[in-house]
Amino acid sequence: MRLWKVTEEQFKEIQEQEGKAWYNIIVDLGEKDGFKILTITGDWLNEIDLPSSRYIEIIKKGLKETTEWPDEEIKNYLKKFINS
């Protein structure tokens, strides 16, 4: 997981840049060190587009950096969500 400290204004700007109509749900993930953790997502019931292979590699790299899982564990984890 990656966390960035941003102001409420900056958070709204990020949502606007990502596409507020697409990323229309703000999720409260609790707190860490006294800071509220929020993320944005969408409500896609019929999602048909899978992430590109380039983006999957970015996800794998992020998981490796933040979890130190071996490659096989990352592969098994991603299989729950995508064919990797």
N, C-alpha and C. Protein backbone atom coordinates (compact mmCIF):
# COMPACT_ATOMS: atom_id res chain seq x y z
N MET A 1 0.84 -1.16 0.00
CA MET A 1 0.00 0.00 0.00
C MET A 1 0.89 1.23 0.00
N ARG A 2 0.46 2.24 -0.69
CA ARG A 2 1.15 3.52 -0.71
C ARG A 2 0.19 4.58 -0.18
N LEU A 3 0.69 5.45 0.65
CA LEU A 3 -0.11 6.54 1.18
C LEU A 3 0.57 7.86 0.88
N TRP A 4 -0.21 8.86 0.50
CA TRP A 4 0.31 10.20 0.28
C TRP A 4 -0.50 11.16 1.12
N LYS A 5 0.18 12.08 1.77
CA LYS A 5 -0.50 13.13 2.53
C LYS A 5 -0.86 14.24 1.55
N VAL A 6 -2.16 14.43 1.36
CA VAL A 6 -2.64 15.50 0.50
C VAL A 6 -3.77 16.23 1.22
N THR A 7 -3.97 17.46 0.85
CA THR A 7 -5.07 18.23 1.43
C THR A 7 -6.38 17.75 0.82
N GLU A 8 -7.48 18.14 1.43
CA GLU A 8 -8.80 17.79 0.89
C GLU A 8 -8.95 18.37 -0.51
N GLU A 9 -8.45 19.59 -0.72
CA GLU A 9 -8.50 20.22 -2.04
C GLU A 9 -7.72 19.40 -3.06
N GLN A 10 -6.52 18.95 -2.68
CA GLN A 10 -5.71 18.14 -3.59
C GLN A 10 -6.40 16.81 -3.90
N PHE A 11 -7.03 16.21 -2.89
CA PHE A 11 -7.74 14.95 -3.10
C PHE A 11 -8.85 15.14 -4.13
N LYS A 12 -9.61 16.22 -3.99
CA LYS A 12 -10.70 16.50 -4.95
C LYS A 12 -10.13 16.73 -6.34
N GLU A 13 -8.99 17.40 -6.42
CA GLU A 13 -8.36 17.64 -7.72
C GLU A 13 -7.91 16.32 -8.36
N ILE A 14 -7.36 15.43 -7.57
CA ILE A 14 -6.97 14.11 -8.09
C ILE A 14 -8.19 13.39 -8.64
N GLN A 15 -9.30 13.43 -7.90
CA GLN A 15 -10.53 12.79 -8.35
C GLN A 15 -11.00 13.41 -9.67
N GLU A 16 -10.92 14.72 -9.77
CA GLU A 16 -11.31 15.39 -11.02
C GLU A 16 -10.42 14.95 -12.18
N GLN A 17 -9.12 14.88 -11.93
CA GLN A 17 -8.18 14.49 -12.98
C GLN A 17 -8.39 13.04 -13.43
N GLU A 18 -8.74 12.19 -12.50
CA GLU A 18 -8.97 10.78 -12.83
C GLU A 18 -10.32 10.57 -13.53
N GLY A 19 -11.20 11.53 -13.40
CA GLY A 19 -12.51 11.43 -14.03
C GLY A 19 -13.59 11.20 -12.99
N LYS A 20 -14.11 12.28 -12.45
CA LYS A 20 -15.07 12.18 -11.34
C LYS A 20 -16.29 11.34 -11.70
N ALA A 21 -16.70 11.37 -12.96
CA ALA A 21 -17.86 10.56 -13.37
C ALA A 21 -17.51 9.08 -13.32
N TRP A 22 -16.25 8.75 -13.57
CA TRP A 22 -15.81 7.35 -13.58
C TRP A 22 -15.46 6.89 -12.17
N TYR A 23 -14.70 7.72 -11.45
CA TYR A 23 -14.30 7.43 -10.06
C TYR A 23 -15.19 8.24 -9.14
N ASN A 24 -16.40 7.74 -8.94
CA ASN A 24 -17.42 8.53 -8.26
C ASN A 24 -17.68 8.12 -6.81
N ILE A 25 -16.89 7.20 -6.28
CA ILE A 25 -17.12 6.72 -4.91
C ILE A 25 -15.87 6.99 -4.08
N ILE A 26 -16.05 7.68 -2.97
CA ILE A 26 -14.96 7.91 -2.02
C ILE A 26 -15.12 6.90 -0.89
N VAL A 27 -14.05 6.17 -0.60
CA VAL A 27 -14.08 5.13 0.42
C VAL A 27 -13.17 5.54 1.58
N ASP A 28 -13.72 5.53 2.78
CA ASP A 28 -12.95 5.84 3.99
C ASP A 28 -12.32 4.54 4.48
N LEU A 29 -10.98 4.51 4.52
CA LEU A 29 -10.25 3.30 4.91
C LEU A 29 -9.76 3.36 6.36
N GLY A 30 -10.21 4.35 7.09
CA GLY A 30 -9.80 4.47 8.49
C GLY A 30 -8.73 5.52 8.68
N GLU A 31 -7.86 5.31 9.67
CA GLU A 31 -6.82 6.28 10.01
C GLU A 31 -5.48 5.59 10.20
N LYS A 32 -4.42 6.37 9.99
CA LYS A 32 -3.06 5.93 10.30
C LYS A 32 -2.31 7.14 10.83
N ASP A 33 -1.72 6.97 11.98
CA ASP A 33 -0.95 8.06 12.61
C ASP A 33 -1.77 9.34 12.73
N GLY A 34 -3.07 9.18 12.97
CA GLY A 34 -3.93 10.34 13.16
C GLY A 34 -4.42 10.98 11.87
N PHE A 35 -4.09 10.41 10.72
CA PHE A 35 -4.53 10.94 9.43
C PHE A 35 -5.61 10.05 8.85
N LYS A 36 -6.67 10.66 8.34
CA LYS A 36 -7.74 9.92 7.69
C LYS A 36 -7.22 9.39 6.36
N ILE A 37 -7.56 8.13 6.04
CA ILE A 37 -7.15 7.51 4.78
C ILE A 37 -8.39 7.37 3.89
N LEU A 38 -8.34 8.00 2.73
CA LEU A 38 -9.43 7.92 1.75
C LEU A 38 -8.88 7.41 0.43
N THR A 39 -9.74 6.78 -0.34
CA THR A 39 -9.39 6.41 -1.71
C THR A 39 -10.62 6.64 -2.58
N ILE A 40 -10.41 6.64 -3.87
CA ILE A 40 -11.53 6.78 -4.80
C ILE A 40 -11.62 5.53 -5.66
N THR A 41 -12.83 5.18 -6.01
CA THR A 41 -13.07 4.03 -6.88
C THR A 41 -14.36 4.28 -7.65
N GLY A 42 -14.77 3.31 -8.41
CA GLY A 42 -16.00 3.42 -9.18
C GLY A 42 -16.90 2.23 -8.91
N ASP A 43 -18.08 2.30 -9.44
CA ASP A 43 -19.07 1.24 -9.27
C ASP A 43 -19.34 0.65 -10.65
N TRP A 44 -18.50 -0.32 -11.02
CA TRP A 44 -18.61 -0.91 -12.35
C TRP A 44 -19.13 -2.32 -12.24
N LEU A 45 -20.40 -2.49 -12.48
CA LEU A 45 -21.00 -3.81 -12.37
C LEU A 45 -20.64 -4.72 -13.53
N ASN A 46 -20.43 -4.14 -14.68
CA ASN A 46 -20.15 -4.94 -15.88
C ASN A 46 -18.79 -4.61 -16.46
N GLU A 47 -17.78 -4.52 -15.61
CA GLU A 47 -16.43 -4.20 -16.06
C GLU A 47 -15.95 -5.30 -17.02
N ILE A 48 -15.54 -4.87 -18.21
CA ILE A 48 -15.08 -5.85 -19.20
C ILE A 48 -13.62 -5.65 -19.59
N ASP A 49 -13.05 -4.50 -19.27
CA ASP A 49 -11.67 -4.23 -19.65
C ASP A 49 -10.73 -4.66 -18.54
N LEU A 50 -9.80 -5.53 -18.88
CA LEU A 50 -8.76 -5.93 -17.94
C LEU A 50 -7.60 -4.96 -18.04
N PRO A 51 -6.80 -4.85 -17.00
CA PRO A 51 -5.63 -3.97 -17.08
C PRO A 51 -4.66 -4.46 -18.15
N SER A 52 -3.96 -3.51 -18.75
CA SER A 52 -2.97 -3.88 -19.77
C SER A 52 -1.83 -4.65 -19.12
N SER A 53 -1.05 -5.36 -19.92
CA SER A 53 0.08 -6.11 -19.38
C SER A 53 1.10 -5.16 -18.75
N ARG A 54 1.24 -3.97 -19.31
CA ARG A 54 2.16 -2.98 -18.73
C ARG A 54 1.70 -2.58 -17.33
N TYR A 55 0.39 -2.36 -17.17
CA TYR A 55 -0.12 -1.97 -15.86
C TYR A 55 -0.02 -3.13 -14.87
N ILE A 56 -0.23 -4.34 -15.33
CA ILE A 56 -0.08 -5.52 -14.45
C ILE A 56 1.36 -5.58 -13.93
N GLU A 57 2.32 -5.27 -14.78
CA GLU A 57 3.73 -5.27 -14.33
C GLU A 57 3.96 -4.20 -13.26
N ILE A 58 3.30 -3.06 -13.38
CA ILE A 58 3.41 -2.01 -12.36
C ILE A 58 2.80 -2.49 -11.04
N ILE A 59 1.67 -3.18 -11.13
CA ILE A 59 1.04 -3.73 -9.92
C ILE A 59 1.97 -4.75 -9.27
N LYS A 60 2.56 -5.62 -10.07
CA LYS A 60 3.49 -6.62 -9.54
C LYS A 60 4.67 -5.96 -8.84
N LYS A 61 5.22 -4.94 -9.47
CA LYS A 61 6.37 -4.22 -8.89
C LYS A 61 5.97 -3.60 -7.55
N GLY A 62 4.81 -2.98 -7.50
CA GLY A 62 4.34 -2.37 -6.27
C GLY A 62 4.14 -3.39 -5.17
N LEU A 63 3.56 -4.55 -5.52
CA LEU A 63 3.37 -5.61 -4.52
C LEU A 63 4.72 -6.11 -4.02
N LYS A 64 5.68 -6.26 -4.92
CA LYS A 64 7.01 -6.75 -4.53
C LYS A 64 7.67 -5.77 -3.56
N GLU A 65 7.57 -4.47 -3.87
CA GLU A 65 8.20 -3.44 -3.03
C GLU A 65 7.54 -3.32 -1.66
N THR A 66 6.24 -3.47 -1.62
CA THR A 66 5.52 -3.20 -0.36
C THR A 66 5.28 -4.44 0.49
N THR A 67 5.34 -5.64 -0.11
CA THR A 67 5.07 -6.85 0.66
C THR A 67 6.28 -7.76 0.78
N GLU A 68 7.22 -7.60 -0.14
CA GLU A 68 8.39 -8.50 -0.24
C GLU A 68 7.98 -9.94 -0.49
N TRP A 69 6.78 -10.14 -1.05
CA TRP A 69 6.34 -11.49 -1.40
C TRP A 69 7.22 -12.04 -2.52
N PRO A 70 7.41 -13.37 -2.56
CA PRO A 70 8.09 -13.97 -3.71
C PRO A 70 7.19 -13.87 -4.95
N ASP A 71 7.80 -13.96 -6.13
CA ASP A 71 7.05 -13.82 -7.38
C ASP A 71 5.86 -14.77 -7.47
N GLU A 72 6.02 -16.00 -7.02
CA GLU A 72 4.94 -16.98 -7.10
C GLU A 72 3.73 -16.55 -6.26
N GLU A 73 3.98 -15.98 -5.09
CA GLU A 73 2.88 -15.52 -4.24
C GLU A 73 2.16 -14.33 -4.88
N ILE A 74 2.91 -13.44 -5.50
CA ILE A 74 2.30 -12.31 -6.21
C ILE A 74 1.44 -12.83 -7.36
N LYS A 75 1.96 -13.78 -8.11
CA LYS A 75 1.21 -14.38 -9.23
C LYS A 75 -0.09 -15.01 -8.74
N ASN A 76 -0.02 -15.76 -7.65
CA ASN A 76 -1.22 -16.40 -7.10
C ASN A 76 -2.22 -15.37 -6.58
N TYR A 77 -1.73 -14.33 -5.96
CA TYR A 77 -2.58 -13.25 -5.46
C TYR A 77 -3.33 -12.59 -6.63
N LEU A 78 -2.61 -12.26 -7.69
CA LEU A 78 -3.23 -11.59 -8.83
C LEU A 78 -4.22 -12.46 -9.58
N LYS A 79 -4.02 -13.79 -9.54
CA LYS A 79 -4.94 -14.69 -10.21
C LYS A 79 -6.37 -14.55 -9.69
N LYS A 80 -6.50 -14.10 -8.45
CA LYS A 80 -7.84 -13.89 -7.89
C LYS A 80 -8.59 -12.79 -8.63
N PHE A 81 -7.83 -11.88 -9.26
CA PHE A 81 -8.44 -10.70 -9.87
C PHE A 81 -8.29 -10.64 -11.37
N ILE A 82 -7.15 -11.12 -11.87
CA ILE A 82 -6.85 -11.03 -13.31
C ILE A 82 -6.04 -12.23 -13.74
N ASN A 83 -6.05 -12.52 -15.02
CA ASN A 83 -5.15 -13.55 -15.56
C ASN A 83 -3.79 -12.92 -15.77
N SER A 84 -2.82 -13.30 -14.94
CA SER A 84 -1.50 -12.68 -15.07
C SER A 84 -0.48 -13.72 -15.47
